[in-house]
Amino acid sequence: MSAADDRRVHLVGAGVLAGGFGKVYATWPLAVLDIGEAVVILRLRPRWLGAMFGAQPLRVVPGPDVEVFPARGGLFKTRYVGMRSGSAEGYFATSKPQVLLGTLRDVGCRVSDREERFLA
């Protein structure tokens, strides 16, 4: 079964991924979050744009090693849902973080209610 077959949720919006020179901020509609039972992927599109800044997709397998959490970041303290697996992390902007956190909890991610802040 491919990740596309397994996909439960497909969201297009804004996001933040680690890049070659720090964090890469992508405005709507350049960030994509795909949530499935077997894999969660946060990526930038088009692929060449993310690659130009050294941003690699964040691909995690839902489980206890994956932490998701509400986050605020950037100059305007935008609301995000953050994902962390080991040293890899990424953020997806959302106006309804609790709904997205619930979806990620449903597929097996460990959810923290503690809001984190990040800067560029």
N, C-alpha and C. Protein backbone atom coordinates (compact mmCIF):
# COMPACT_ATOMS: atom_id res chain seq x y z
N MET A 1 0.84 -1.18 0.00
CA MET A 1 0.00 0.00 0.00
C MET A 1 0.89 1.24 0.00
N SER A 2 0.64 2.15 -0.89
CA SER A 2 1.44 3.37 -0.96
C SER A 2 0.92 4.41 0.02
N ALA A 3 1.72 5.44 0.25
CA ALA A 3 1.31 6.53 1.15
C ALA A 3 0.05 7.20 0.62
N ALA A 4 -0.10 7.30 -0.70
CA ALA A 4 -1.29 7.93 -1.27
C ALA A 4 -2.53 7.09 -0.99
N ASP A 5 -2.41 5.75 -1.05
CA ASP A 5 -3.53 4.87 -0.76
C ASP A 5 -3.93 4.96 0.70
N ASP A 6 -2.96 5.21 1.55
CA ASP A 6 -3.15 5.22 2.99
C ASP A 6 -3.62 6.58 3.51
N ARG A 7 -3.60 7.60 2.67
CA ARG A 7 -3.83 8.97 3.10
C ARG A 7 -5.24 9.15 3.67
N ARG A 8 -5.31 9.72 4.88
CA ARG A 8 -6.58 10.05 5.51
C ARG A 8 -6.89 11.53 5.37
N VAL A 9 -5.85 12.36 5.47
CA VAL A 9 -6.03 13.81 5.43
C VAL A 9 -4.95 14.40 4.53
N HIS A 10 -5.34 15.32 3.67
CA HIS A 10 -4.41 16.04 2.79
C HIS A 10 -4.69 17.53 2.97
N LEU A 11 -3.73 18.26 3.54
CA LEU A 11 -3.91 19.68 3.81
C LEU A 11 -2.86 20.49 3.06
N VAL A 12 -3.28 21.62 2.54
CA VAL A 12 -2.39 22.55 1.85
C VAL A 12 -2.39 23.84 2.65
N GLY A 13 -1.21 24.38 2.92
CA GLY A 13 -1.16 25.61 3.70
C GLY A 13 0.25 26.16 3.78
N ALA A 14 0.57 26.70 4.95
CA ALA A 14 1.90 27.26 5.21
C ALA A 14 2.63 26.34 6.18
N GLY A 15 3.94 26.33 6.12
CA GLY A 15 4.70 25.46 7.01
C GLY A 15 6.14 25.90 7.16
N VAL A 16 6.82 25.20 8.05
CA VAL A 16 8.23 25.48 8.33
C VAL A 16 8.96 24.15 8.41
N LEU A 17 10.06 24.04 7.68
CA LEU A 17 10.92 22.86 7.72
C LEU A 17 12.37 23.31 7.90
N ALA A 18 13.18 22.41 8.40
CA ALA A 18 14.61 22.70 8.51
C ALA A 18 15.21 22.72 7.11
N GLY A 19 16.08 23.70 6.88
CA GLY A 19 16.73 23.83 5.59
C GLY A 19 18.23 23.84 5.73
N GLY A 20 18.91 24.06 4.65
CA GLY A 20 20.36 24.07 4.65
C GLY A 20 20.98 25.21 5.44
N PHE A 21 20.25 26.31 5.60
CA PHE A 21 20.78 27.49 6.29
C PHE A 21 19.87 27.93 7.43
N GLY A 22 19.14 27.02 8.02
CA GLY A 22 18.19 27.35 9.09
C GLY A 22 16.79 26.91 8.69
N LYS A 23 15.80 27.53 9.28
CA LYS A 23 14.41 27.16 8.99
C LYS A 23 13.96 27.79 7.67
N VAL A 24 13.16 27.02 6.93
CA VAL A 24 12.58 27.48 5.68
C VAL A 24 11.09 27.69 5.91
N TYR A 25 10.63 28.93 5.79
CA TYR A 25 9.22 29.27 5.94
C TYR A 25 8.57 29.25 4.56
N ALA A 26 7.47 28.53 4.44
CA ALA A 26 6.74 28.45 3.17
C ALA A 26 5.32 28.95 3.40
N THR A 27 4.90 29.93 2.61
CA THR A 27 3.55 30.46 2.74
C THR A 27 2.56 29.57 1.99
N TRP A 28 1.28 29.81 2.24
CA TRP A 28 0.24 29.09 1.51
C TRP A 28 0.41 29.41 0.03
N PRO A 29 0.33 28.49 -0.86
CA PRO A 29 -0.01 27.07 -0.78
C PRO A 29 1.20 26.16 -0.94
N LEU A 30 2.34 26.54 -0.39
CA LEU A 30 3.58 25.81 -0.67
C LEU A 30 3.89 24.67 0.30
N ALA A 31 3.15 24.55 1.39
CA ALA A 31 3.37 23.44 2.33
C ALA A 31 2.21 22.46 2.22
N VAL A 32 2.54 21.18 2.29
CA VAL A 32 1.54 20.12 2.20
C VAL A 32 1.75 19.18 3.37
N LEU A 33 0.65 18.84 4.05
CA LEU A 33 0.67 17.87 5.14
C LEU A 33 -0.24 16.72 4.78
N ASP A 34 0.32 15.53 4.65
CA ASP A 34 -0.44 14.31 4.39
C ASP A 34 -0.39 13.45 5.63
N ILE A 35 -1.56 13.09 6.15
CA ILE A 35 -1.65 12.28 7.36
C ILE A 35 -2.31 10.96 7.00
N GLY A 36 -1.59 9.86 7.26
CA GLY A 36 -2.12 8.53 7.02
C GLY A 36 -1.91 7.64 8.23
N GLU A 37 -2.46 6.45 8.18
CA GLU A 37 -2.30 5.50 9.29
C GLU A 37 -0.84 5.08 9.43
N ALA A 38 -0.12 4.97 8.30
CA ALA A 38 1.24 4.42 8.33
C ALA A 38 2.32 5.49 8.26
N VAL A 39 1.99 6.68 7.77
CA VAL A 39 3.02 7.71 7.62
C VAL A 39 2.39 9.10 7.63
N VAL A 40 3.14 10.05 8.19
CA VAL A 40 2.76 11.47 8.16
C VAL A 40 3.90 12.19 7.44
N ILE A 41 3.54 12.99 6.43
CA ILE A 41 4.55 13.67 5.62
C ILE A 41 4.24 15.17 5.57
N LEU A 42 5.22 15.97 5.94
CA LEU A 42 5.16 17.43 5.77
C LEU A 42 6.21 17.77 4.73
N ARG A 43 5.79 18.42 3.65
CA ARG A 43 6.72 18.71 2.56
C ARG A 43 6.39 20.06 1.94
N LEU A 44 7.34 20.56 1.17
CA LEU A 44 7.13 21.79 0.42
C LEU A 44 6.91 21.43 -1.04
N ARG A 45 6.13 22.25 -1.72
CA ARG A 45 5.93 22.05 -3.15
C ARG A 45 6.13 23.37 -3.86
N PRO A 46 6.56 23.37 -5.07
CA PRO A 46 7.07 22.21 -5.79
C PRO A 46 8.37 21.70 -5.17
N ARG A 47 8.66 20.46 -5.44
CA ARG A 47 9.81 19.80 -4.83
C ARG A 47 11.12 20.56 -5.07
N TRP A 48 11.28 21.09 -6.27
CA TRP A 48 12.53 21.81 -6.60
C TRP A 48 12.70 23.05 -5.74
N LEU A 49 11.60 23.69 -5.33
CA LEU A 49 11.70 24.88 -4.49
C LEU A 49 12.24 24.52 -3.11
N GLY A 50 11.70 23.46 -2.51
CA GLY A 50 12.22 23.01 -1.22
C GLY A 50 13.68 22.61 -1.32
N ALA A 51 14.03 21.90 -2.41
CA ALA A 51 15.41 21.45 -2.60
C ALA A 51 16.36 22.63 -2.76
N MET A 52 15.88 23.71 -3.38
CA MET A 52 16.72 24.89 -3.58
C MET A 52 17.18 25.49 -2.25
N PHE A 53 16.35 25.35 -1.21
CA PHE A 53 16.69 25.87 0.11
C PHE A 53 17.17 24.78 1.07
N GLY A 54 17.34 23.57 0.56
CA GLY A 54 17.83 22.47 1.38
C GLY A 54 16.78 21.88 2.31
N ALA A 55 15.51 22.16 2.07
CA ALA A 55 14.43 21.64 2.92
C ALA A 55 14.04 20.24 2.47
N GLN A 56 14.25 19.27 3.34
CA GLN A 56 13.86 17.89 3.06
C GLN A 56 12.49 17.62 3.68
N PRO A 57 11.64 16.83 3.02
CA PRO A 57 10.35 16.49 3.62
C PRO A 57 10.55 15.83 4.99
N LEU A 58 9.64 16.10 5.90
CA LEU A 58 9.63 15.44 7.20
C LEU A 58 8.67 14.27 7.07
N ARG A 59 9.20 13.06 7.12
CA ARG A 59 8.41 11.84 6.97
C ARG A 59 8.56 11.05 8.26
N VAL A 60 7.44 10.86 8.97
CA VAL A 60 7.49 10.14 10.24
C VAL A 60 6.45 9.03 10.26
N VAL A 61 6.76 7.97 10.98
CA VAL A 61 5.83 6.87 11.21
C VAL A 61 5.15 7.13 12.54
N PRO A 62 3.81 7.28 12.55
CA PRO A 62 3.13 7.56 13.82
C PRO A 62 3.46 6.50 14.87
N GLY A 63 3.73 6.96 16.07
CA GLY A 63 4.06 6.08 17.17
C GLY A 63 4.55 6.89 18.35
N PRO A 64 4.97 6.22 19.40
CA PRO A 64 5.38 6.93 20.61
C PRO A 64 6.65 7.77 20.45
N ASP A 65 7.44 7.51 19.40
CA ASP A 65 8.66 8.30 19.18
C ASP A 65 8.38 9.63 18.48
N VAL A 66 7.16 9.82 18.01
CA VAL A 66 6.79 11.04 17.30
C VAL A 66 5.96 11.91 18.24
N GLU A 67 6.46 13.10 18.53
CA GLU A 67 5.73 14.03 19.39
C GLU A 67 5.13 15.14 18.53
N VAL A 68 3.86 15.42 18.75
CA VAL A 68 3.22 16.56 18.10
C VAL A 68 2.72 17.49 19.19
N PHE A 69 2.68 18.79 18.89
CA PHE A 69 2.39 19.77 19.93
C PHE A 69 1.92 21.08 19.29
N PRO A 70 1.13 21.86 20.02
CA PRO A 70 0.79 23.19 19.52
C PRO A 70 2.02 24.08 19.59
N ALA A 71 2.14 24.99 18.64
CA ALA A 71 3.32 25.87 18.61
C ALA A 71 2.92 27.24 18.08
N ARG A 72 3.74 28.21 18.45
CA ARG A 72 3.60 29.58 17.91
C ARG A 72 4.96 30.00 17.42
N GLY A 73 4.97 30.67 16.28
CA GLY A 73 6.26 31.07 15.76
C GLY A 73 6.18 32.24 14.81
N GLY A 74 7.36 32.71 14.46
CA GLY A 74 7.46 33.81 13.53
C GLY A 74 7.17 35.15 14.18
N LEU A 75 7.24 36.17 13.39
CA LEU A 75 7.07 37.54 13.86
C LEU A 75 5.67 37.79 14.43
N PHE A 76 4.65 37.16 13.84
CA PHE A 76 3.28 37.42 14.25
C PHE A 76 2.72 36.34 15.17
N LYS A 77 3.57 35.47 15.69
CA LYS A 77 3.15 34.40 16.60
C LYS A 77 2.03 33.55 15.99
N THR A 78 2.22 33.19 14.73
CA THR A 78 1.28 32.35 14.01
C THR A 78 1.11 31.01 14.72
N ARG A 79 -0.12 30.46 14.69
CA ARG A 79 -0.37 29.17 15.33
C ARG A 79 -0.01 28.03 14.37
N TYR A 80 0.72 27.09 14.91
CA TYR A 80 1.18 25.92 14.16
C TYR A 80 0.91 24.66 14.98
N VAL A 81 1.00 23.53 14.29
CA VAL A 81 1.15 22.24 14.96
C VAL A 81 2.56 21.78 14.61
N GLY A 82 3.36 21.50 15.64
CA GLY A 82 4.73 21.05 15.44
C GLY A 82 4.82 19.54 15.51
N MET A 83 5.77 18.98 14.79
CA MET A 83 6.05 17.54 14.83
C MET A 83 7.54 17.36 15.04
N ARG A 84 7.87 16.42 15.91
CA ARG A 84 9.28 16.16 16.20
C ARG A 84 9.49 14.65 16.27
N SER A 85 10.52 14.19 15.58
CA SER A 85 10.93 12.80 15.65
C SER A 85 12.45 12.80 15.69
N GLY A 86 13.01 12.50 16.87
CA GLY A 86 14.45 12.62 17.04
C GLY A 86 14.85 14.07 16.90
N SER A 87 15.81 14.35 16.03
CA SER A 87 16.24 15.74 15.83
C SER A 87 15.49 16.43 14.69
N ALA A 88 14.68 15.69 13.95
CA ALA A 88 13.92 16.27 12.84
C ALA A 88 12.64 16.90 13.36
N GLU A 89 12.33 18.11 12.86
CA GLU A 89 11.09 18.75 13.26
C GLU A 89 10.54 19.60 12.13
N GLY A 90 9.24 19.83 12.18
CA GLY A 90 8.57 20.66 11.19
C GLY A 90 7.30 21.22 11.79
N TYR A 91 6.75 22.24 11.14
CA TYR A 91 5.57 22.94 11.65
C TYR A 91 4.60 23.21 10.50
N PHE A 92 3.30 23.05 10.79
CA PHE A 92 2.26 23.32 9.80
C PHE A 92 1.30 24.33 10.40
N ALA A 93 1.08 25.45 9.71
CA ALA A 93 0.21 26.52 10.21
C ALA A 93 -1.26 26.07 10.16
N THR A 94 -2.01 26.40 11.21
CA THR A 94 -3.42 26.05 11.26
C THR A 94 -4.17 27.00 12.17
N SER A 95 -5.40 27.29 11.81
CA SER A 95 -6.24 28.12 12.67
C SER A 95 -6.96 27.27 13.72
N LYS A 96 -6.91 25.94 13.54
CA LYS A 96 -7.58 25.02 14.47
C LYS A 96 -6.61 23.94 14.92
N PRO A 97 -5.63 24.31 15.75
CA PRO A 97 -4.62 23.32 16.15
C PRO A 97 -5.20 22.12 16.89
N GLN A 98 -6.24 22.30 17.70
CA GLN A 98 -6.77 21.17 18.46
C GLN A 98 -7.37 20.10 17.56
N VAL A 99 -7.99 20.51 16.45
CA VAL A 99 -8.54 19.54 15.50
C VAL A 99 -7.41 18.73 14.86
N LEU A 100 -6.37 19.42 14.42
CA LEU A 100 -5.24 18.74 13.79
C LEU A 100 -4.50 17.85 14.79
N LEU A 101 -4.35 18.31 16.02
CA LEU A 101 -3.72 17.48 17.06
C LEU A 101 -4.54 16.22 17.30
N GLY A 102 -5.86 16.34 17.30
CA GLY A 102 -6.73 15.17 17.48
C GLY A 102 -6.57 14.17 16.35
N THR A 103 -6.46 14.65 15.12
CA THR A 103 -6.26 13.77 13.97
C THR A 103 -4.94 13.02 14.09
N LEU A 104 -3.89 13.74 14.48
CA LEU A 104 -2.58 13.10 14.64
C LEU A 104 -2.58 12.12 15.81
N ARG A 105 -3.31 12.42 16.86
CA ARG A 105 -3.45 11.48 17.98
C ARG A 105 -4.15 10.21 17.51
N ASP A 106 -5.18 10.36 16.67
CA ASP A 106 -5.94 9.22 16.17
C ASP A 106 -5.10 8.25 15.35
N VAL A 107 -4.05 8.75 14.68
CA VAL A 107 -3.20 7.85 13.89
C VAL A 107 -2.02 7.31 14.69
N GLY A 108 -1.92 7.68 15.97
CA GLY A 108 -0.91 7.07 16.84
C GLY A 108 0.23 7.95 17.28
N CYS A 109 0.20 9.24 16.96
CA CYS A 109 1.26 10.13 17.42
C CYS A 109 1.05 10.51 18.88
N ARG A 110 2.14 10.72 19.58
CA ARG A 110 2.08 11.17 20.98
C ARG A 110 1.86 12.68 20.97
N VAL A 111 0.76 13.13 21.59
CA VAL A 111 0.38 14.55 21.56
C VAL A 111 0.64 15.19 22.92
N SER A 112 1.32 16.32 22.89
CA SER A 112 1.55 17.13 24.08
C SER A 112 0.65 18.35 24.01
N ASP A 113 0.10 18.76 25.14
CA ASP A 113 -0.72 19.97 25.18
C ASP A 113 0.11 21.21 25.46
N ARG A 114 1.39 21.02 25.74
CA ARG A 114 2.27 22.15 26.08
C ARG A 114 2.67 22.88 24.80
N GLU A 115 2.28 24.15 24.72
CA GLU A 115 2.62 24.95 23.54
C GLU A 115 4.09 25.34 23.55
N GLU A 116 4.72 25.19 22.41
CA GLU A 116 6.13 25.58 22.26
C GLU A 116 6.21 26.78 21.34
N ARG A 117 7.28 27.55 21.50
CA ARG A 117 7.52 28.71 20.63
C ARG A 117 8.82 28.49 19.87
N PHE A 118 8.86 29.02 18.67
CA PHE A 118 10.09 28.93 17.90
C PHE A 118 10.30 30.23 17.13
N LEU A 119 11.54 30.50 16.82
CA LEU A 119 11.91 31.69 16.05
C LEU A 119 12.59 31.26 14.77
N ALA A 120 12.75 32.19 13.88
CA ALA A 120 13.40 31.90 12.60
C ALA A 120 14.83 31.45 12.80
